[in-house]
C-alpha atoms as a PDB file:
ATOM      1  CA  MET A   1     100.067 111.379  37.407  1.00  0.00           C
ATOM      2  CA  ASP A   2     102.015 111.543  40.813  1.00  0.00           C
ATOM      3  CA  ILE A   3     101.190 112.841  43.654  1.00  0.00           C
ATOM      4  CA  LYS A   4     104.051 113.436  45.169  1.00  0.00           C
ATOM      5  CA  LYS A   5     104.139 116.202  41.951  1.00  0.00           C
ATOM      6  CA  ILE A   6     101.185 117.628  42.433  1.00  0.00           C
ATOM      7  CA  LEU A   7     101.507 118.007  46.118  1.00  0.00           C
ATOM      8  CA  VAL A   8     104.834 120.006  45.172  1.00  0.00           C
ATOM      9  CA  GLU A   9     102.726 121.860  41.650  1.00  0.00           C
ATOM     10  CA  LEU A  10     100.390 122.458  44.010  1.00  0.00           C
ATOM     11  CA  SER A  11     103.126 124.405  47.257  1.00  0.00           C
ATOM     12  CA  ASN A  12     104.720 126.258  45.132  1.00  0.00           C
ATOM     13  CA  THR A  13     102.006 128.018  42.385  1.00  0.00           C
ATOM     14  CA  ASP A  14     101.126 131.374  44.638  1.00  0.00           C
ATOM     15  CA  GLY A  15      97.610 131.969  45.445  1.00  0.00           C
ATOM     16  CA  PRO A  16      96.944 133.971  48.534  1.00  0.00           C
ATOM     17  CA  SER A  17      93.135 134.793  50.195  1.00  0.00           C
ATOM     18  CA  GLY A  18      91.587 136.781  47.084  1.00  0.00           C
ATOM     19  CA  TYR A  19      94.054 135.970  44.412  1.00  0.00           C
ATOM     20  CA  GLU A  20      94.170 132.421  42.838  1.00  0.00           C
ATOM     21  CA  GLU A  21      93.599 132.556  40.052  1.00  0.00           C
ATOM     22  CA  ALA A  22      97.424 130.715  39.424  1.00  0.00           C
ATOM     23  CA  VAL A  23      96.283 127.979  41.548  1.00  0.00           C
ATOM     24  CA  LEU A  24      92.700 127.606  40.697  1.00  0.00           C
ATOM     25  CA  GLN A  25      94.355 127.392  36.247  1.00  0.00           C
ATOM     26  CA  LYS A  26      96.541 124.663  37.619  1.00  0.00           C
ATOM     27  CA  ILE A  27      93.440 122.445  39.734  1.00  0.00           C
ATOM     28  CA  GLU A  28      91.258 123.239  37.268  1.00  0.00           C
ATOM     29  CA  LYS A  29      94.091 121.655  34.257  1.00  0.00           C
ATOM     30  CA  LEU A  30      94.581 118.380  36.579  1.00  0.00           C
ATOM     31  CA  ILE A  31      90.979 117.496  37.184  1.00  0.00           C
ATOM     32  CA  ALA A  32      89.344 118.666  33.451  1.00  0.00           C
ATOM     33  CA  PRO A  33      90.353 114.797  32.528  1.00  0.00           C
ATOM     34  CA  TYR A  34      88.069 113.151  35.258  1.00  0.00           C
ATOM     35  CA  VAL A  35      85.082 114.921  35.693  1.00  0.00           C
ATOM     36  CA  ASP A  36      82.212 115.921  33.341  1.00  0.00           C
ATOM     37  CA  ARG A  37      82.631 120.060  33.743  1.00  0.00           C
ATOM     38  CA  THR A  38      84.240 122.779  35.058  1.00  0.00           C
ATOM     39  CA  TRP A  39      82.937 126.486  35.707  1.00  0.00           C
ATOM     40  CA  ARG A  40      83.728 129.074  38.839  1.00  0.00           C
ATOM     41  CA  ASN A  41      80.901 131.227  40.593  1.00  0.00           C
ATOM     42  CA  SER A  42      81.431 134.667  41.486  1.00  0.00           C
ATOM     43  CA  MET A  43      83.776 134.341  44.218  1.00  0.00           C
ATOM     44  CA  SER A  44      86.043 132.864  41.975  1.00  0.00           C
ATOM     45  CA  THR A  45      85.754 129.625  43.452  1.00  0.00           C
ATOM     46  CA  LEU A  46      86.056 126.134  41.312  1.00  0.00           C
ATOM     47  CA  ILE A  47      83.862 123.560  40.759  1.00  0.00           C
ATOM     48  CA  ALA A  48      84.899 120.099  38.787  1.00  0.00           C
ATOM     49  CA  GLU A  49      81.415 117.687  38.441  1.00  0.00           C
ATOM     50  CA  LYS A  50      81.182 114.439  38.101  1.00  0.00           C
ATOM     51  CA  ARG A  51      77.766 113.235  37.191  1.00  0.00           C
ATOM     52  CA  GLY A  52      76.621 109.758  39.157  1.00  0.00           C
ATOM     53  CA  ASN A  53      73.021 108.065  39.355  1.00  0.00           C
ATOM     54  CA  GLY A  54      71.326 111.049  40.852  1.00  0.00           C
ATOM     55  CA  LYS A  55      70.628 109.464  44.436  1.00  0.00           C
ATOM     56  CA  GLY A  56      71.514 113.023  45.572  1.00  0.00           C
ATOM     57  CA  LYS A  57      74.428 116.432  45.979  1.00  0.00           C
ATOM     58  CA  LEU A  58      77.385 115.349  47.354  1.00  0.00           C
ATOM     59  CA  GLY A  59      79.976 118.813  47.269  1.00  0.00           C
ATOM     60  CA  VAL A  60      83.100 117.969  48.562  1.00  0.00           C
ATOM     61  CA  PHE A  61      85.965 120.767  49.778  1.00  0.00           C
ATOM     62  CA  ALA A  62      89.033 121.772  49.843  1.00  0.00           C
ATOM     63  CA  HIS A  63      90.185 125.890  50.318  1.00  0.00           C
ATOM     64  CA  ALA A  64      92.691 126.928  47.485  1.00  0.00           C
ATOM     65  CA  ASP A  65      93.783 129.956  49.440  1.00  0.00           C
ATOM     66  CA  GLU A  66      96.730 130.461  51.424  1.00  0.00           C
ATOM     67  CA  VAL A  67      97.807 132.598  53.913  1.00  0.00           C
ATOM     68  CA  GLY A  68     100.139 135.035  53.076  1.00  0.00           C
ATOM     69  CA  PHE A  69     100.907 139.182  53.307  1.00  0.00           C
ATOM     70  CA  VAL A  70      99.856 142.737  52.419  1.00  0.00           C
ATOM     71  CA  ILE A  71     101.557 145.531  51.799  1.00  0.00           C
ATOM     72  CA  SER A  72     100.294 148.667  54.004  1.00  0.00           C
ATOM     73  CA  LYS A  73     102.820 150.568  53.568  1.00  0.00           C
ATOM     74  CA  ILE A  74     105.968 152.204  52.031  1.00  0.00           C
ATOM     75  CA  GLU A  75     107.710 153.272  54.051  1.00  0.00           C
ATOM     76  CA  GLU A  76     110.698 156.218  52.288  1.00  0.00           C
ATOM     77  CA  ASP A  77     113.592 154.381  53.244  1.00  0.00           C
ATOM     78  CA  GLY A  78     113.069 151.094  50.761  1.00  0.00           C
ATOM     79  CA  PHE A  79     111.093 149.601  53.342  1.00  0.00           C
ATOM     80  CA  ALA A  80     107.737 148.239  53.850  1.00  0.00           C
ATOM     81  CA  ARG A  81     105.649 147.354  55.881  1.00  0.00           C
ATOM     82  CA  ILE A  82     103.159 144.242  55.428  1.00  0.00           C
ATOM     83  CA  GLU A  83     100.090 142.719  57.493  1.00  0.00           C
ATOM     84  CA  VAL A  84      99.258 139.610  57.577  1.00  0.00           C
ATOM     85  CA  THR A  85      96.570 137.472  55.500  1.00  0.00           C
ATOM     86  CA  GLY A  86      94.791 135.078  57.811  1.00  0.00           C
ATOM     87  CA  GLY A  87      96.644 133.273  61.093  1.00  0.00           C
ATOM     88  CA  ILE A  88     100.782 133.612  60.638  1.00  0.00           C
ATOM     89  CA  ASP A  89     102.524 133.907  63.345  1.00  0.00           C
ATOM     90  CA  PRO A  90     105.336 136.903  63.179  1.00  0.00           C
ATOM     91  CA  LYS A  91     107.393 135.474  64.176  1.00  0.00           C
ATOM     92  CA  VAL A  92     107.808 133.127  61.124  1.00  0.00           C
ATOM     93  CA  SER A  93     108.096 135.565  58.463  1.00  0.00           C
ATOM     94  CA  MET A  94     111.821 136.449  60.097  1.00  0.00           C
ATOM     95  CA  ALA A  95     114.553 136.014  58.056  1.00  0.00           C
ATOM     96  CA  GLN A  96     112.742 135.010  54.546  1.00  0.00           C
ATOM     97  CA  ARG A  97     112.194 136.236  51.165  1.00  0.00           C
ATOM     98  CA  VAL A  98     108.954 136.792  49.757  1.00  0.00           C
ATOM     99  CA  LYS A  99     107.529 137.197  46.759  1.00  0.00           C
ATOM    100  CA  ILE A 100     105.385 140.536  46.071  1.00  0.00           C
ATOM    101  CA  TYR A 101     102.239 140.139  43.556  1.00  0.00           C
ATOM    102  CA  THR A 102     102.285 144.598  41.841  1.00  0.00           C
ATOM    103  CA  ARG A 103     100.323 145.915  39.031  1.00  0.00           C
ATOM    104  CA  ASP A 104     103.897 145.703  36.914  1.00  0.00           C
ATOM    105  CA  GLY A 105     104.299 141.841  37.549  1.00  0.00           C
ATOM    106  CA  ALA A 106     106.174 139.594  40.431  1.00  0.00           C
ATOM    107  CA  THR A 107     109.723 140.737  42.549  1.00  0.00           C
ATOM    108  CA  SER A 108     111.246 139.944  45.509  1.00  0.00           C
ATOM    109  CA  GLY A 109     111.683 141.218  48.978  1.00  0.00           C
ATOM    110  CA  VAL A 110     113.256 140.199  52.201  1.00  0.00           C
ATOM    111  CA  ILE A 111     111.893 140.380  55.700  1.00  0.00           C
ATOM    112  CA  GLY A 112     115.407 140.988  57.129  1.00  0.00           C
ATOM    113  CA  PHE A 113     116.270 140.128  60.597  1.00  0.00           C
ATOM    114  CA  LEU A 114     119.372 142.523  62.567  1.00  0.00           C
ATOM    115  CA  ALA A 115     122.855 140.015  62.768  1.00  0.00           C
ATOM    116  CA  PRO A 116     123.389 139.309  66.413  1.00  0.00           C
ATOM    117  CA  HIS A 117     126.571 141.489  66.484  1.00  0.00           C
ATOM    118  CA  LEU A 118     124.327 144.447  66.052  1.00  0.00           C
ATOM    119  CA  GLN A 119     121.648 143.763  67.944  1.00  0.00           C
ATOM    120  CA  LYS A 120     120.919 145.046  71.965  1.00  0.00           C
ATOM    121  CA  GLU A 121     121.536 142.408  74.922  1.00  0.00           C
ATOM    122  CA  GLU A 122     117.854 143.088  75.418  1.00  0.00           C
ATOM    123  CA  ASP A 123     116.847 142.455  71.906  1.00  0.00           C
ATOM    124  CA  ARG A 124     118.475 139.220  72.204  1.00  0.00           C
ATOM    125  CA  LYS A 125     116.192 137.917  74.120  1.00  0.00           C
ATOM    126  CA  SER A 126     112.521 139.192  72.325  1.00  0.00           C
ATOM    127  CA  MET A 127     111.427 138.824  69.357  1.00  0.00           C
ATOM    128  CA  PRO A 128     110.104 142.120  66.785  1.00  0.00           C
ATOM    129  CA  HIS A 129     106.832 143.665  67.871  1.00  0.00           C
ATOM    130  CA  PRO A 130     104.732 142.332  65.059  1.00  0.00           C
ATOM    131  CA  ASP A 131     104.473 146.073  64.081  1.00  0.00           C
ATOM    132  CA  ASN A 132     108.556 146.361  63.273  1.00  0.00           C
ATOM    133  CA  ILE A 133     107.926 143.584  60.788  1.00  0.00           C
ATOM    134  CA  PHE A 134     109.012 144.925  57.600  1.00  0.00           C
ATOM    135  CA  ALA A 135     110.203 144.176  53.869  1.00  0.00           C
ATOM    136  CA  ASP A 136     113.226 145.314  52.331  1.00  0.00           C
ATOM    137  CA  ILE A 137     112.482 145.385  49.212  1.00  0.00           C
ATOM    138  CA  SER A 138     114.891 148.799  48.040  1.00  0.00           C
ATOM    139  CA  CYS A 139     116.918 145.974  45.627  1.00  0.00           C
ATOM    140  CA  SER A 140     112.778 145.715  44.023  1.00  0.00           C
ATOM    141  CA  GLU A 141     113.379 146.366  39.644  1.00  0.00           C
ATOM    142  CA  LYS A 142     109.180 146.601  39.720  1.00  0.00           C
ATOM    143  CA  ARG A 143     107.053 149.419  42.028  1.00  0.00           C
ATOM    144  CA  ILE A 144     105.508 147.687  44.793  1.00  0.00           C
ATOM    145  CA  ARG A 145     102.335 150.022  45.944  1.00  0.00           C
ATOM    146  CA  VAL A 146     100.400 149.624  49.058  1.00  0.00           C
ATOM    147  CA  GLY A 147      97.589 146.441  48.551  1.00  0.00           C
ATOM    148  CA  ASP A 148      99.862 144.452  46.842  1.00  0.00           C
ATOM    149  CA  VAL A 149     100.150 141.331  47.974  1.00  0.00           C
ATOM    150  CA  SER A 150     103.044 138.517  49.196  1.00  0.00           C
ATOM    151  CA  VAL A 151     104.043 134.984  49.778  1.00  0.00           C
ATOM    152  CA  PRO A 152     106.875 133.342  50.981  1.00  0.00           C
ATOM    153  CA  ASP A 153     109.132 132.682  48.300  1.00  0.00           C
ATOM    154  CA  VAL A 154     110.573 129.365  48.731  1.00  0.00           C
ATOM    155  CA  GLU A 155     110.012 126.328  46.525  1.00  0.00           C
ATOM    156  CA  ALA A 156     108.807 122.569  47.834  1.00  0.00           C
ATOM    157  CA  CYS A 157     110.658 119.630  48.230  1.00  0.00           C
ATOM    158  CA  GLU A 158     110.812 116.291  48.895  1.00  0.00           C
ATOM    159  CA  ILE A 159     112.461 114.467  52.570  1.00  0.00           C
ATOM    160  CA  ASN A 160     112.637 110.880  53.632  1.00  0.00           C
ATOM    161  CA  SER A 161     108.818 110.382  51.174  1.00  0.00           C
ATOM    162  CA  LYS A 162     107.469 113.244  53.046  1.00  0.00           C
ATOM    163  CA  ILE A 163     106.430 117.123  51.518  1.00  0.00           C
ATOM    164  CA  SER A 164     107.322 120.509  52.567  1.00  0.00           C
ATOM    165  CA  GLY A 165     106.975 123.788  51.317  1.00  0.00           C
ATOM    166  CA  LYS A 166     104.153 126.467  51.679  1.00  0.00           C
ATOM    167  CA  ALA A 167     100.494 126.624  51.504  1.00  0.00           C
ATOM    168  CA  LEU A 168     100.132 122.672  52.399  1.00  0.00           C
ATOM    169  CA  ASP A 169      97.208 124.364  53.953  1.00  0.00           C
ATOM    170  CA  ASN A 170      95.103 123.390  52.091  1.00  0.00           C
ATOM    171  CA  ARG A 171      96.485 122.266  48.807  1.00  0.00           C
ATOM    172  CA  SER A 172      97.134 118.876  49.975  1.00  0.00           C
ATOM    173  CA  GLY A 173      93.563 119.177  50.323  1.00  0.00           C
ATOM    174  CA  CYS A 174      92.959 120.108  46.662  1.00  0.00           C
ATOM    175  CA  ALA A 175      95.809 117.017  45.242  1.00  0.00           C
ATOM    176  CA  SER A 176      92.913 115.023  47.445  1.00  0.00           C
ATOM    177  CA  LEU A 177      89.845 115.371  45.917  1.00  0.00           C
ATOM    178  CA  ILE A 178      92.135 116.116  42.356  1.00  0.00           C
ATOM    179  CA  TRP A 179      92.957 112.159  43.252  1.00  0.00           C
ATOM    180  CA  ALA A 180      89.269 110.963  44.561  1.00  0.00           C
ATOM    181  CA  ALA A 181      88.435 111.646  41.018  1.00  0.00           C
ATOM    182  CA  LYS A 182      90.817 109.598  38.975  1.00  0.00           C
ATOM    183  CA  MET A 183      90.344 107.018  40.800  1.00  0.00           C
ATOM    184  CA  LEU A 184      86.354 106.919  40.038  1.00  0.00           C
ATOM    185  CA  GLN A 185      86.949 106.596  36.867  1.00  0.00           C
ATOM    186  CA  LYS A 186      87.312 103.185  37.742  1.00  0.00           C
ATOM    187  CA  ILE A 187      83.897 103.196  40.274  1.00  0.00           C
ATOM    188  CA  ARG A 188      81.071 104.802  39.710  1.00  0.00           C
ATOM    189  CA  ASN A 189      79.886 107.427  42.213  1.00  0.00           C
ATOM    190  CA  GLU A 190      75.691 107.097  43.056  1.00  0.00           C
ATOM    191  CA  TRP A 191      75.576 111.006  44.173  1.00  0.00           C
ATOM    192  CA  ASP A 192      75.602 114.177  41.750  1.00  0.00           C
ATOM    193  CA  LEU A 193      79.429 115.235  42.840  1.00  0.00           C
ATOM    194  CA  TYR A 194      80.769 118.013  43.023  1.00  0.00           C
ATOM    195  CA  PHE A 195      84.644 118.952  43.972  1.00  0.00           C
ATOM    196  CA  ILE A 196      84.659 122.005  45.187  1.00  0.00           C
ATOM    197  CA  PHE A 197      88.105 124.204  45.422  1.00  0.00           C
ATOM    198  CA  SER A 198      87.071 126.865  47.391  1.00  0.00           C
ATOM    199  CA  SER A 199      88.495 130.572  47.729  1.00  0.00           C
ATOM    200  CA  GLU A 200      89.349 132.882  51.008  1.00  0.00           C
ATOM    201  CA  GLU A 201      88.729 130.328  53.718  1.00  0.00           C
ATOM    202  CA  GLU A 202      91.434 132.118  55.353  1.00  0.00           C
ATOM    203  CA  ILE A 203      90.173 135.292  55.654  1.00  0.00           C
ATOM    204  CA  ALA A 204      85.994 133.615  56.663  1.00  0.00           C
ATOM    205  CA  GLY A 205      85.132 131.156  53.947  1.00  0.00           C
ATOM    206  CA  PRO A 206      82.383 133.400  52.390  1.00  0.00           C
ATOM    207  CA  GLY A 207      83.200 131.347  48.554  1.00  0.00           C
ATOM    208  CA  ALA A 208      82.456 127.863  50.305  1.00  0.00           C
ATOM    209  CA  ARG A 209      79.106 129.756  52.157  1.00  0.00           C
ATOM    210  CA  THR A 210      78.154 130.505  48.701  1.00  0.00           C
ATOM    211  CA  ILE A 211      78.341 128.182  46.658  1.00  0.00           C
ATOM    212  CA  ALA A 212      76.730 125.831  48.965  1.00  0.00           C
ATOM    213  CA  TYR A 213      74.003 127.980  48.731  1.00  0.00           C
ATOM    214  CA  GLU A 214      74.430 127.994  44.768  1.00  0.00           C
ATOM    215  CA  LEU A 215      74.136 124.075  44.402  1.00  0.00           C
ATOM    216  CA  ASN A 216      71.585 123.457  46.899  1.00  0.00           C
ATOM    217  CA  LEU A 217      73.642 120.353  48.742  1.00  0.00           C
ATOM    218  CA  ASP A 218      72.314 117.540  50.102  1.00  0.00           C
ATOM    219  CA  LYS A 219      75.413 116.749  51.512  1.00  0.00           C
ATOM    220  CA  ALA A 220      79.707 117.878  52.037  1.00  0.00           C
ATOM    221  CA  ILE A 221      82.629 117.035  52.717  1.00  0.00           C
ATOM    222  CA  VAL A 222      85.160 119.670  54.081  1.00  0.00           C
ATOM    223  CA  VAL A 223      89.026 118.384  53.839  1.00  0.00           C
ATOM    224  CA  ASP A 224      91.469 120.247  55.544  1.00  0.00           C
ATOM    225  CA  VAL A 225      94.484 119.453  57.279  1.00  0.00           C
ATOM    226  CA  THR A 226      94.915 119.344  61.039  1.00  0.00           C
ATOM    227  CA  HIS A 227      98.420 119.138  63.523  1.00  0.00           C
ATOM    228  CA  ALA A 228      99.933 115.825  63.258  1.00  0.00           C
ATOM    229  CA  ASN A 229     102.491 114.713  65.940  1.00  0.00           C
ATOM    230  CA  GLU A 230     101.547 117.834  68.048  1.00  0.00           C
ATOM    231  CA  LYS A 231     100.775 116.689  72.100  1.00  0.00           C
ATOM    232  CA  VAL A 232      98.137 118.584  73.521  1.00  0.00           C
ATOM    233  CA  PRO A 233      96.696 118.098  76.886  1.00  0.00           C
ATOM    234  CA  GLY A 234      93.424 116.873  76.918  1.00  0.00           C
ATOM    235  CA  TYR A 235      93.479 115.717  73.531  1.00  0.00           C
ATOM    236  CA  PRO A 236      94.399 112.611  71.081  1.00  0.00           C
ATOM    237  CA  LEU A 237      97.870 112.260  70.056  1.00  0.00           C
ATOM    238  CA  ILE A 238      97.134 112.862  65.434  1.00  0.00           C
ATOM    239  CA  LYS A 239     100.563 111.324  63.969  1.00  0.00           C
ATOM    240  CA  LEU A 240     101.417 111.674  60.212  1.00  0.00           C
ATOM    241  CA  GLY A 241     101.418 108.708  58.012  1.00  0.00           C
ATOM    242  CA  GLU A 242      98.624 107.155  60.120  1.00  0.00           C
ATOM    243  CA  GLY A 243      95.663 108.017  57.463  1.00  0.00           C
ATOM    244  CA  PRO A 244      92.468 111.070  57.288  1.00  0.00           C
ATOM    245  CA  VAL A 245      91.319 112.290  60.461  1.00  0.00           C
ATOM    246  CA  LEU A 246      87.241 112.201  61.095  1.00  0.00           C
ATOM    247  CA  THR A 247      85.908 115.681  63.444  1.00  0.00           C
ATOM    248  CA  VAL A 248      83.873 114.320  66.015  1.00  0.00           C
ATOM    249  CA  GLY A 249      81.194 116.964  67.928  1.00  0.00           C
ATOM    250  CA  PRO A 250      78.465 118.995  67.910  1.00  0.00           C
ATOM    251  CA  MET A 251      79.153 120.643  64.422  1.00  0.00           C
ATOM    252  CA  VAL A 252      79.503 117.548  62.387  1.00  0.00           C
ATOM    253  CA  ASP A 253      76.440 115.595  61.597  1.00  0.00           C
ATOM    254  CA  LYS A 254      76.545 112.859  63.585  1.00  0.00           C
ATOM    255  CA  SER A 255      74.766 110.042  61.225  1.00  0.00           C
ATOM    256  CA  PHE A 256      77.055 111.143  57.966  1.00  0.00           C
ATOM    257  CA  LYS A 257      80.235 110.689  60.289  1.00  0.00           C
ATOM    258  CA  ASP A 258      78.964 107.419  61.506  1.00  0.00           C
ATOM    259  CA  LYS A 259      78.148 106.295  57.715  1.00  0.00           C
ATOM    260  CA  ILE A 260      81.303 107.321  56.668  1.00  0.00           C
ATOM    261  CA  SER A 261      83.098 105.165  59.304  1.00  0.00           C
ATOM    262  CA  GLU A 262      81.403 102.638  58.418  1.00  0.00           C
ATOM    263  CA  ILE A 263      82.141 102.479  54.873  1.00  0.00           C
ATOM    264  CA  CYS A 264      85.572 103.273  55.493  1.00  0.00           C
ATOM    265  CA  SER A 265      86.078 100.068  57.517  1.00  0.00           C
ATOM    266  CA  ARG A 266      84.149  97.823  54.884  1.00  0.00           C
ATOM    267  CA  ASN A 267      87.010  99.089  52.742  1.00  0.00           C
ATOM    268  CA  GLY A 268      89.842  98.271  55.187  1.00  0.00           C
ATOM    269  CA  LEU A 269      90.358 102.145  54.996  1.00  0.00           C
ATOM    270  CA  LYS A 270      92.408 103.583  58.408  1.00  0.00           C
ATOM    271  CA  THR A 271      90.772 106.645  59.714  1.00  0.00           C
ATOM    272  CA  GLN A 272      91.599 108.910  63.242  1.00  0.00           C
ATOM    273  CA  ILE A 273      89.824 111.375  65.634  1.00  0.00           C
ATOM    274  CA  GLU A 274      89.750 114.000  66.616  1.00  0.00           C
ATOM    275  CA  PRO A 275      87.358 116.233  68.851  1.00  0.00           C
ATOM    276  CA  ALA A 276      86.196 119.491  68.136  1.00  0.00           C
ATOM    277  CA  PRO A 277      84.169 120.965  71.136  1.00  0.00           C
ATOM    278  CA  ILE A 278      82.920 123.878  69.566  1.00  0.00           C
ATOM    279  CA  HIS A 279      83.826 125.301  66.106  1.00  0.00           C
ATOM    280  CA  SER A 280      86.160 123.069  63.252  1.00  0.00           C
ATOM    281  CA  GLY A 281      87.894 126.418  61.702  1.00  0.00           C
ATOM    282  CA  THR A 282      87.227 125.118  58.618  1.00  0.00           C
ATOM    283  CA  ASP A 283      84.894 126.007  55.237  1.00  0.00           C
ATOM    284  CA  ALA A 284      81.992 122.831  57.225  1.00  0.00           C
ATOM    285  CA  ASP A 285      81.670 126.026  59.586  1.00  0.00           C
ATOM    286  CA  GLU A 286      79.974 128.000  57.120  1.00  0.00           C
ATOM    287  CA  VAL A 287      78.615 125.009  54.796  1.00  0.00           C
ATOM    288  CA  GLN A 288      76.730 123.415  57.487  1.00  0.00           C
ATOM    289  CA  ILE A 289      74.804 126.725  58.072  1.00  0.00           C
ATOM    290  CA  THR A 290      73.628 127.644  54.467  1.00  0.00           C
ATOM    291  CA  ARG A 291      70.307 127.589  53.197  1.00  0.00           C
ATOM    292  CA  ILE A 292      68.309 126.220  56.143  1.00  0.00           C
ATOM    293  CA  GLY A 293      71.273 123.693  56.440  1.00  0.00           C
ATOM    294  CA  ILE A 294      73.336 120.814  54.915  1.00  0.00           C
ATOM    295  CA  SER A 295      74.368 117.756  56.706  1.00  0.00           C
ATOM    296  CA  THR A 296      77.834 118.149  56.987  1.00  0.00           C
ATOM    297  CA  THR A 297      81.386 116.533  58.139  1.00  0.00           C
ATOM    298  CA  VAL A 298      85.307 117.229  58.433  1.00  0.00           C
ATOM    299  CA  VAL A 299      87.931 115.024  56.871  1.00  0.00           C
ATOM    300  CA  SER A 300      91.101 116.406  57.844  1.00  0.00           C
ATOM    301  CA  ILE A 301      94.975 115.595  56.466  1.00  0.00           C
ATOM    302  CA  PRO A 302      97.417 115.516  59.183  1.00  0.00           C
ATOM    303  CA  LEU A 303     100.237 118.010  58.741  1.00  0.00           C
ATOM    304  CA  LEU A 304     103.123 119.435  60.699  1.00  0.00           C
ATOM    305  CA  PHE A 305     104.356 123.297  61.367  1.00  0.00           C
ATOM    306  CA  MET A 306     100.916 124.732  59.683  1.00  0.00           C
ATOM    307  CA  HIS A 307     100.660 128.274  58.799  1.00  0.00           C
ATOM    308  CA  SER A 308     104.748 128.230  57.909  1.00  0.00           C
ATOM    309  CA  PRO A 309     106.901 127.981  54.889  1.00  0.00           C
ATOM    310  CA  VAL A 310     107.887 124.766  55.973  1.00  0.00           C
ATOM    311  CA  GLU A 311     104.395 123.088  56.566  1.00  0.00           C
ATOM    312  CA  THR A 312     104.900 118.870  55.841  1.00  0.00           C
ATOM    313  CA  VAL A 313     102.186 116.153  55.000  1.00  0.00           C
ATOM    314  CA  ASP A 314     102.621 112.608  54.125  1.00  0.00           C
ATOM    315  CA  PRO A 315     101.499 112.168  50.597  1.00  0.00           C
ATOM    316  CA  LYS A 316      99.971 108.719  51.485  1.00  0.00           C
ATOM    317  CA  ASP A 317      97.799 110.697  53.824  1.00  0.00           C
ATOM    318  CA  VAL A 318      96.581 112.451  50.907  1.00  0.00           C
ATOM    319  CA  GLU A 319      96.311 109.613  49.415  1.00  0.00           C
ATOM    320  CA  GLU A 320      94.092 107.199  51.562  1.00  0.00           C
ATOM    321  CA  THR A 321      91.623 111.165  52.218  1.00  0.00           C
ATOM    322  CA  ALA A 322      90.770 110.576  48.517  1.00  0.00           C
ATOM    323  CA  ARG A 323      90.458 106.951  48.409  1.00  0.00           C
ATOM    324  CA  LEU A 324      88.614 107.518  51.733  1.00  0.00           C
ATOM    325  CA  ILE A 325      86.456 110.584  49.023  1.00  0.00           C
ATOM    326  CA  ALA A 326      86.129 107.977  46.404  1.00  0.00           C
ATOM    327  CA  VAL A 327      84.169 104.720  48.623  1.00  0.00           C
ATOM    328  CA  VAL A 328      81.886 107.163  50.119  1.00  0.00           C
ATOM    329  CA  ALA A 329      81.183 108.432  46.808  1.00  0.00           C
ATOM    330  CA  ALA A 330      80.336 104.808  45.210  1.00  0.00           C
ATOM    331  CA  GLU A 331      78.700 103.724  48.026  1.00  0.00           C
ATOM    332  CA  MET A 332      77.034 105.918  50.379  1.00  0.00           C
ATOM    333  CA  GLU A 333      72.916 105.900  50.264  1.00  0.00           C
ATOM    334  CA  VAL A 334      70.800 108.450  50.380  1.00  0.00           C
END
């Protein structure tokens, strides 16, 4: 099993929020050989359990869904009005092919863009308002209805050892969990370990919240992505290819984060630091307040061009995130 192939395969498998079944089936097939059992809960979250020495329950989360679109209105002239599901900037949708999932199967559409020859001079200086973005479905051979979901129709690829494609937020996190389970075949995990592939993180995170309650976890690591190579005033520069990122801030359990940092240092695992002054914007915000509270921390994979069809990660960061999960599961004390 090659980490690049896993990233490409998961990126190319469609699973917008609430419709994660295809990608969960793929993940389950990949992780099943390395765990004791797998199952789904009522929110369609996938859990893969790897029993340890019973020192506690550690949940490692990575959301399986991706941002996408939903058809909100069918116009008579062969166009469909679309609304975003999750935080997509409408500008990145322009001039893109989309795959639309109907009750009759998948079909295609095009979010067109008026040719510059036909644009008025004032239009060339501005972007269309989100209310004026439509998918052209006039060439579709299947019946499209209001409520059908859609994702960008792109294929992931390798570019100079990096992987670029859609949905790497957070399929790169999912890949790191699969890789960690593989690594733990050679390392005995002290804690009972639950690899959790949660649903609907992009629309407020009910998948993570419900399974955290069901499992009654002692500790949780939420694996997601963060912005790489973006210079933000007052914040450290997170670099692609420089290893996983540990979140610091009021919503993170400081002692748990410090313990992870210590384990990483002892094992020669390089990490970066990112502040989260209020919320993390990940499933951790929901997991930490489940039941009477769960000791939670966030580990992020550096990523370029978040919530676009060309998200880009360095497979080395994904592998190092997997190694972090494996050594923490093996060495962390109660």
